[in-house]
Amino acid sequence: MNLNLFSTPLSHQAGKYPALANRVTDLILNYQRDEHRNPNSPQTMHDALFESRFDFLKWEMPVVQELKETLLNDLFYFLLQVSGLTKEQLQGIRFDYESWFHVANHGAYFQTHTHPNHAWSMVFCASAGDFQPENAHESGKLLFLDPRLGAAMYLDQSNKEMHRPYSFNGFKVTLEPGSVVIFPSYLQHAVEPYRGSKPRITVATNFRFF
């Protein structure tokens, strides 16, 4: 019997909410100001990347609250698929969250990191910026790394070409406007360099339940 053990639950819904993405983009571009900038970013910021404070989904604007409810619904549906919890049990669990947005301009990137002290993380793409086939390799792809430390410490002909879900290779996500990605907060990930003239805008959210 072949077993598929130690899987990483991850969801990618490409371009699911394009209309909402447009409205979120307009709002963020209007509020990309120093008063909303995160003064204590976990990573060293560079000029090409704007990071907001971690309270974005607590803003009271209707479009922000619509985004919050949309992401919560997607997360709860995902958890019903990957856990033994029922809908009633999920609805009875208290939770907390933090959320922020990134505006990436030409040259922006994000180093490898995790999201500590949370269970689940989400990324919503509001604007993909310059997303074209000729520069797809420089479109700021979201890169997830294999969490099995040491899994690729030795490669030969018998294991280096294994297919998913057994492969050691990282997993790249090309974000489109309205895309939603859900992943465990422990999973190491990075954002590859973005080289485009239009801003690339994403919203990130961390959840913990208690």
C-alpha atoms as a PDB file:
ATOM      1  CA  MET A   1       0.000   0.000   0.000  1.00  0.00           C
ATOM      2  CA  ASN A   2       1.400   3.388  -1.019  1.00  0.00           C
ATOM      3  CA  LEU A   3       0.826   6.189   1.471  1.00  0.00           C
ATOM      4  CA  ASN A   4       0.873   9.952   0.966  1.00  0.00           C
ATOM      5  CA  LEU A   5       1.983  11.292   4.351  1.00  0.00           C
ATOM      6  CA  PHE A   6       2.979  14.688   5.784  1.00  0.00           C
ATOM      7  CA  SER A   7       1.059  16.663   3.173  1.00  0.00           C
ATOM      8  CA  THR A   8       0.908  20.468   3.223  1.00  0.00           C
ATOM      9  CA  PRO A   9      -2.644  21.832   2.852  1.00  0.00           C
ATOM     10  CA  LEU A  10      -2.677  24.758   0.427  1.00  0.00           C
ATOM     11  CA  SER A  11      -5.380  26.369  -1.694  1.00  0.00           C
ATOM     12  CA  HIS A  12      -4.970  28.580  -4.775  1.00  0.00           C
ATOM     13  CA  GLN A  13      -8.085  30.022  -6.388  1.00  0.00           C
ATOM     14  CA  ALA A  14      -6.951  31.967  -9.440  1.00  0.00           C
ATOM     15  CA  GLY A  15      -8.781  35.179 -10.313  1.00  0.00           C
ATOM     16  CA  LYS A  16     -11.854  34.331  -8.227  1.00  0.00           C
ATOM     17  CA  TYR A  17     -12.923  37.891  -7.322  1.00  0.00           C
ATOM     18  CA  PRO A  18     -11.839  40.308 -10.105  1.00  0.00           C
ATOM     19  CA  ALA A  19     -14.513  42.953  -9.429  1.00  0.00           C
ATOM     20  CA  LEU A  20     -13.693  43.057  -5.714  1.00  0.00           C
ATOM     21  CA  ALA A  21      -9.996  43.220  -6.593  1.00  0.00           C
ATOM     22  CA  ASN A  22     -10.551  46.389  -8.630  1.00  0.00           C
ATOM     23  CA  ARG A  23     -12.360  48.103  -5.764  1.00  0.00           C
ATOM     24  CA  VAL A  24      -9.726  47.074  -3.230  1.00  0.00           C
ATOM     25  CA  THR A  25      -7.003  48.375  -5.558  1.00  0.00           C
ATOM     26  CA  ASP A  26      -8.664  51.787  -5.845  1.00  0.00           C
ATOM     27  CA  LEU A  27      -8.999  52.080  -2.074  1.00  0.00           C
ATOM     28  CA  ILE A  28      -5.434  51.027  -1.308  1.00  0.00           C
ATOM     29  CA  LEU A  29      -3.943  53.435  -3.833  1.00  0.00           C
ATOM     30  CA  ASN A  30      -5.902  56.239  -2.145  1.00  0.00           C
ATOM     31  CA  TYR A  31      -4.602  55.273   1.304  1.00  0.00           C
ATOM     32  CA  GLN A  32      -0.972  54.502   0.485  1.00  0.00           C
ATOM     33  CA  ARG A  33       0.342  57.217   2.789  1.00  0.00           C
ATOM     34  CA  ASP A  34       2.948  57.446   5.541  1.00  0.00           C
ATOM     35  CA  GLU A  35       0.277  57.565   8.260  1.00  0.00           C
ATOM     36  CA  HIS A  36      -0.706  54.012   7.267  1.00  0.00           C
ATOM     37  CA  ARG A  37       2.852  52.721   6.795  1.00  0.00           C
ATOM     38  CA  ASN A  38       4.065  49.998   9.149  1.00  0.00           C
ATOM     39  CA  PRO A  39       6.842  51.574  11.269  1.00  0.00           C
ATOM     40  CA  ASN A  40       8.028  48.192  12.599  1.00  0.00           C
ATOM     41  CA  SER A  41       8.060  45.808   9.678  1.00  0.00           C
ATOM     42  CA  PRO A  42       9.304  42.263  10.452  1.00  0.00           C
ATOM     43  CA  GLN A  43      11.587  42.621   7.435  1.00  0.00           C
ATOM     44  CA  THR A  44      13.848  45.441   6.357  1.00  0.00           C
ATOM     45  CA  MET A  45      11.853  47.516   3.907  1.00  0.00           C
ATOM     46  CA  HIS A  46      13.216  48.959   0.700  1.00  0.00           C
ATOM     47  CA  ASP A  47      11.997  51.912  -1.335  1.00  0.00           C
ATOM     48  CA  ALA A  48      10.164  49.783  -3.903  1.00  0.00           C
ATOM     49  CA  LEU A  49       7.829  48.199  -1.323  1.00  0.00           C
ATOM     50  CA  PHE A  50       5.132  49.838   0.810  1.00  0.00           C
ATOM     51  CA  GLU A  51       3.807  47.852   3.774  1.00  0.00           C
ATOM     52  CA  SER A  52       0.802  49.067   5.752  1.00  0.00           C
ATOM     53  CA  ARG A  53       0.100  48.696   9.441  1.00  0.00           C
ATOM     54  CA  PHE A  54      -1.340  45.320  10.443  1.00  0.00           C
ATOM     55  CA  ASP A  55      -4.939  46.520  10.893  1.00  0.00           C
ATOM     56  CA  PHE A  56      -6.209  46.711   7.321  1.00  0.00           C
ATOM     57  CA  LEU A  57      -9.232  44.378   7.587  1.00  0.00           C
ATOM     58  CA  LYS A  58     -10.350  46.298  10.687  1.00  0.00           C
ATOM     59  CA  TRP A  59     -10.937  49.424   8.617  1.00  0.00           C
ATOM     60  CA  GLU A  60     -14.652  50.227   8.466  1.00  0.00           C
ATOM     61  CA  MET A  61     -14.960  51.005   4.746  1.00  0.00           C
ATOM     62  CA  PRO A  62     -17.602  48.775   3.087  1.00  0.00           C
ATOM     63  CA  VAL A  63     -15.167  47.337   0.540  1.00  0.00           C
ATOM     64  CA  VAL A  64     -12.738  46.341   3.303  1.00  0.00           C
ATOM     65  CA  GLN A  65     -15.474  44.640   5.310  1.00  0.00           C
ATOM     66  CA  GLU A  66     -16.667  42.854   2.174  1.00  0.00           C
ATOM     67  CA  LEU A  67     -13.122  41.592   1.601  1.00  0.00           C
ATOM     68  CA  LYS A  68     -12.910  40.435   5.222  1.00  0.00           C
ATOM     69  CA  GLU A  69     -16.138  38.430   4.963  1.00  0.00           C
ATOM     70  CA  THR A  70     -15.076  36.988   1.610  1.00  0.00           C
ATOM     71  CA  LEU A  71     -11.745  35.776   2.970  1.00  0.00           C
ATOM     72  CA  LEU A  72     -13.344  34.368   6.109  1.00  0.00           C
ATOM     73  CA  ASN A  73     -15.858  32.405   4.056  1.00  0.00           C
ATOM     74  CA  ASP A  74     -13.082  30.993   1.878  1.00  0.00           C
ATOM     75  CA  LEU A  75     -10.968  30.074   4.906  1.00  0.00           C
ATOM     76  CA  PHE A  76     -13.848  28.344   6.696  1.00  0.00           C
ATOM     77  CA  TYR A  77     -14.750  26.377   3.579  1.00  0.00           C
ATOM     78  CA  PHE A  78     -11.096  25.325   3.231  1.00  0.00           C
ATOM     79  CA  LEU A  79     -10.893  24.234   6.873  1.00  0.00           C
ATOM     80  CA  LEU A  80     -13.991  22.100   6.447  1.00  0.00           C
ATOM     81  CA  GLN A  81     -12.164  20.248   3.666  1.00  0.00           C
ATOM     82  CA  VAL A  82      -8.872  19.640   5.485  1.00  0.00           C
ATOM     83  CA  SER A  83      -9.946  19.168   9.113  1.00  0.00           C
ATOM     84  CA  GLY A  84     -12.380  17.067  11.104  1.00  0.00           C
ATOM     85  CA  LEU A  85     -14.282  20.128  12.291  1.00  0.00           C
ATOM     86  CA  THR A  86     -17.938  20.578  11.449  1.00  0.00           C
ATOM     87  CA  LYS A  87     -19.467  23.851  10.273  1.00  0.00           C
ATOM     88  CA  GLU A  88     -21.103  24.318  13.671  1.00  0.00           C
ATOM     89  CA  GLN A  89     -17.815  23.725  15.484  1.00  0.00           C
ATOM     90  CA  LEU A  90     -15.986  26.213  13.275  1.00  0.00           C
ATOM     91  CA  GLN A  91     -18.627  28.863  13.820  1.00  0.00           C
ATOM     92  CA  GLY A  92     -18.274  28.404  17.577  1.00  0.00           C
ATOM     93  CA  ILE A  93     -14.505  28.876  17.681  1.00  0.00           C
ATOM     94  CA  ARG A  94     -13.203  32.332  18.540  1.00  0.00           C
ATOM     95  CA  PHE A  95     -10.458  33.752  16.362  1.00  0.00           C
ATOM     96  CA  ASP A  96      -8.191  36.739  15.987  1.00  0.00           C
ATOM     97  CA  TYR A  97      -6.436  38.093  12.942  1.00  0.00           C
ATOM     98  CA  GLU A  98      -4.034  40.676  11.594  1.00  0.00           C
ATOM     99  CA  SER A  99      -3.999  42.019   8.068  1.00  0.00           C
ATOM    100  CA  TRP A 100      -1.984  44.409   5.946  1.00  0.00           C
ATOM    101  CA  PHE A 101      -1.365  45.362   2.340  1.00  0.00           C
ATOM    102  CA  HIS A 102       1.721  45.582   0.176  1.00  0.00           C
ATOM    103  CA  VAL A 103       2.205  47.887  -2.777  1.00  0.00           C
ATOM    104  CA  ALA A 104       5.128  46.592  -4.827  1.00  0.00           C
ATOM    105  CA  ASN A 105       6.789  48.788  -7.420  1.00  0.00           C
ATOM    106  CA  HIS A 106       9.623  48.035  -9.833  1.00  0.00           C
ATOM    107  CA  GLY A 107      12.365  46.116  -8.016  1.00  0.00           C
ATOM    108  CA  ALA A 108      10.260  45.028  -5.031  1.00  0.00           C
ATOM    109  CA  TYR A 109      10.730  41.606  -3.449  1.00  0.00           C
ATOM    110  CA  PHE A 110      10.206  39.871  -0.115  1.00  0.00           C
ATOM    111  CA  GLN A 111      12.741  37.585   1.535  1.00  0.00           C
ATOM    112  CA  THR A 112      11.972  34.062   2.738  1.00  0.00           C
ATOM    113  CA  HIS A 113       9.882  34.127   5.917  1.00  0.00           C
ATOM    114  CA  THR A 114       7.049  32.538   7.889  1.00  0.00           C
ATOM    115  CA  HIS A 115       4.140  34.104   9.797  1.00  0.00           C
ATOM    116  CA  PRO A 116       4.758  33.177  13.453  1.00  0.00           C
ATOM    117  CA  ASN A 117       2.117  32.793  16.172  1.00  0.00           C
ATOM    118  CA  HIS A 118      -0.698  32.067  13.730  1.00  0.00           C
ATOM    119  CA  ALA A 119      -2.261  28.941  12.244  1.00  0.00           C
ATOM    120  CA  TRP A 120      -3.361  30.004   8.759  1.00  0.00           C
ATOM    121  CA  SER A 121      -2.340  32.744   6.359  1.00  0.00           C
ATOM    122  CA  MET A 122      -4.008  34.129   3.254  1.00  0.00           C
ATOM    123  CA  VAL A 123      -2.984  36.290   0.303  1.00  0.00           C
ATOM    124  CA  PHE A 124      -5.481  38.211  -1.806  1.00  0.00           C
ATOM    125  CA  CYS A 125      -4.215  39.726  -5.053  1.00  0.00           C
ATOM    126  CA  ALA A 126      -5.809  43.105  -5.746  1.00  0.00           C
ATOM    127  CA  SER A 127      -3.584  44.041  -8.689  1.00  0.00           C
ATOM    128  CA  ALA A 128      -1.055  41.877 -10.512  1.00  0.00           C
ATOM    129  CA  GLY A 129       0.710  44.933 -11.929  1.00  0.00           C
ATOM    130  CA  ASP A 130       2.404  44.224 -15.264  1.00  0.00           C
ATOM    131  CA  PHE A 131       1.392  40.628 -15.833  1.00  0.00           C
ATOM    132  CA  GLN A 132       2.423  39.637 -19.345  1.00  0.00           C
ATOM    133  CA  PRO A 133       3.913  36.448 -20.821  1.00  0.00           C
ATOM    134  CA  GLU A 134       7.147  38.166 -21.785  1.00  0.00           C
ATOM    135  CA  ASN A 135       7.907  39.245 -18.215  1.00  0.00           C
ATOM    136  CA  ALA A 136       6.126  36.463 -16.309  1.00  0.00           C
ATOM    137  CA  HIS A 137       9.440  35.375 -14.769  1.00  0.00           C
ATOM    138  CA  GLU A 138       9.754  38.859 -13.228  1.00  0.00           C
ATOM    139  CA  SER A 139       6.139  39.285 -12.121  1.00  0.00           C
ATOM    140  CA  GLY A 140       6.679  38.839  -8.386  1.00  0.00           C
ATOM    141  CA  LYS A 141       5.633  35.217  -8.110  1.00  0.00           C
ATOM    142  CA  LEU A 142       4.776  33.822  -4.698  1.00  0.00           C
ATOM    143  CA  LEU A 143       7.246  31.017  -3.932  1.00  0.00           C
ATOM    144  CA  PHE A 144       6.573  28.300  -1.348  1.00  0.00           C
ATOM    145  CA  LEU A 145       9.440  26.126  -0.097  1.00  0.00           C
ATOM    146  CA  ASP A 146       9.338  22.452   0.858  1.00  0.00           C
ATOM    147  CA  PRO A 147       8.861  22.373   4.660  1.00  0.00           C
ATOM    148  CA  ARG A 148      10.603  18.996   5.036  1.00  0.00           C
ATOM    149  CA  LEU A 149      14.009  20.086   6.286  1.00  0.00           C
ATOM    150  CA  GLY A 150      16.751  18.002   4.734  1.00  0.00           C
ATOM    151  CA  ALA A 151      14.416  16.277   2.272  1.00  0.00           C
ATOM    152  CA  ALA A 152      16.613  17.302  -0.661  1.00  0.00           C
ATOM    153  CA  MET A 153      19.959  16.763   1.082  1.00  0.00           C
ATOM    154  CA  TYR A 154      20.815  14.084  -1.474  1.00  0.00           C
ATOM    155  CA  LEU A 155      19.509  13.917  -5.033  1.00  0.00           C
ATOM    156  CA  ASP A 156      20.090  11.246  -7.642  1.00  0.00           C
ATOM    157  CA  GLN A 157      18.265   9.771 -10.637  1.00  0.00           C
ATOM    158  CA  SER A 158      15.799   7.922  -8.411  1.00  0.00           C
ATOM    159  CA  ASN A 159      14.385  10.907  -6.525  1.00  0.00           C
ATOM    160  CA  LYS A 160      15.101  14.227  -8.220  1.00  0.00           C
ATOM    161  CA  GLU A 161      12.316  13.882 -10.800  1.00  0.00           C
ATOM    162  CA  MET A 162       9.516  12.850  -8.456  1.00  0.00           C
ATOM    163  CA  HIS A 163       6.161  14.429  -9.283  1.00  0.00           C
ATOM    164  CA  ARG A 164       3.768  16.230  -6.970  1.00  0.00           C
ATOM    165  CA  PRO A 165       3.113  15.800  -4.106  1.00  0.00           C
ATOM    166  CA  TYR A 166       6.464  14.041  -3.597  1.00  0.00           C
ATOM    167  CA  SER A 167       8.737  16.523  -5.370  1.00  0.00           C
ATOM    168  CA  PHE A 168      11.271  18.575  -3.414  1.00  0.00           C
ATOM    169  CA  ASN A 169      10.917  21.573  -5.731  1.00  0.00           C
ATOM    170  CA  GLY A 170       9.421  24.822  -4.532  1.00  0.00           C
ATOM    171  CA  PHE A 171       5.920  25.731  -5.688  1.00  0.00           C
ATOM    172  CA  LYS A 172       5.388  29.025  -7.503  1.00  0.00           C
ATOM    173  CA  VAL A 173       2.056  30.836  -7.673  1.00  0.00           C
ATOM    174  CA  THR A 174       1.386  33.426 -10.356  1.00  0.00           C
ATOM    175  CA  LEU A 175      -1.121  35.825  -8.854  1.00  0.00           C
ATOM    176  CA  GLU A 176      -3.971  37.289 -10.893  1.00  0.00           C
ATOM    177  CA  PRO A 177      -6.394  40.015  -9.786  1.00  0.00           C
ATOM    178  CA  GLY A 178      -8.892  38.432  -7.402  1.00  0.00           C
ATOM    179  CA  SER A 179      -6.762  35.370  -6.623  1.00  0.00           C
ATOM    180  CA  VAL A 180      -6.872  33.884  -3.117  1.00  0.00           C
ATOM    181  CA  VAL A 181      -4.135  31.712  -1.593  1.00  0.00           C
ATOM    182  CA  ILE A 182      -4.488  29.893   1.750  1.00  0.00           C
ATOM    183  CA  PHE A 183      -1.552  28.171   3.451  1.00  0.00           C
ATOM    184  CA  PRO A 184      -0.331  27.136   6.917  1.00  0.00           C
ATOM    185  CA  SER A 185       1.506  29.996   8.580  1.00  0.00           C
ATOM    186  CA  TYR A 186       4.573  27.831   9.273  1.00  0.00           C
ATOM    187  CA  LEU A 187       5.254  27.367   5.562  1.00  0.00           C
ATOM    188  CA  GLN A 188       8.338  29.243   4.378  1.00  0.00           C
ATOM    189  CA  HIS A 189       7.647  31.495   1.420  1.00  0.00           C
ATOM    190  CA  ALA A 190       9.030  34.472  -0.455  1.00  0.00           C
ATOM    191  CA  VAL A 191       8.032  36.905  -3.184  1.00  0.00           C
ATOM    192  CA  GLU A 192      10.329  36.896  -6.191  1.00  0.00           C
ATOM    193  CA  PRO A 193      11.485  40.246  -7.621  1.00  0.00           C
ATOM    194  CA  TYR A 194       8.837  42.241  -9.427  1.00  0.00           C
ATOM    195  CA  ARG A 195       9.859  44.338 -12.410  1.00  0.00           C
ATOM    196  CA  GLY A 196       7.001  46.333 -13.841  1.00  0.00           C
ATOM    197  CA  SER A 197       5.764  49.888 -14.242  1.00  0.00           C
ATOM    198  CA  LYS A 198       2.343  49.351 -12.613  1.00  0.00           C
ATOM    199  CA  PRO A 199       1.951  48.723  -8.869  1.00  0.00           C
ATOM    200  CA  ARG A 200       1.418  45.131  -7.759  1.00  0.00           C
ATOM    201  CA  ILE A 201      -0.960  45.095  -4.778  1.00  0.00           C
ATOM    202  CA  THR A 202      -1.658  42.251  -2.362  1.00  0.00           C
ATOM    203  CA  VAL A 203      -3.471  41.892   0.959  1.00  0.00           C
ATOM    204  CA  ALA A 204      -2.100  39.438   3.535  1.00  0.00           C
ATOM    205  CA  THR A 205      -3.956  38.085   6.564  1.00  0.00           C
ATOM    206  CA  ASN A 206      -3.002  35.821   9.472  1.00  0.00           C
ATOM    207  CA  PHE A 207      -5.550  33.905  11.567  1.00  0.00           C
ATOM    208  CA  ARG A 208      -5.339  32.111  14.887  1.00  0.00           C
ATOM    209  CA  PHE A 209      -8.147  30.267  16.648  1.00  0.00           C
ATOM    210  CA  PHE A 210      -8.739  29.692  20.360  1.00  0.00           C
END
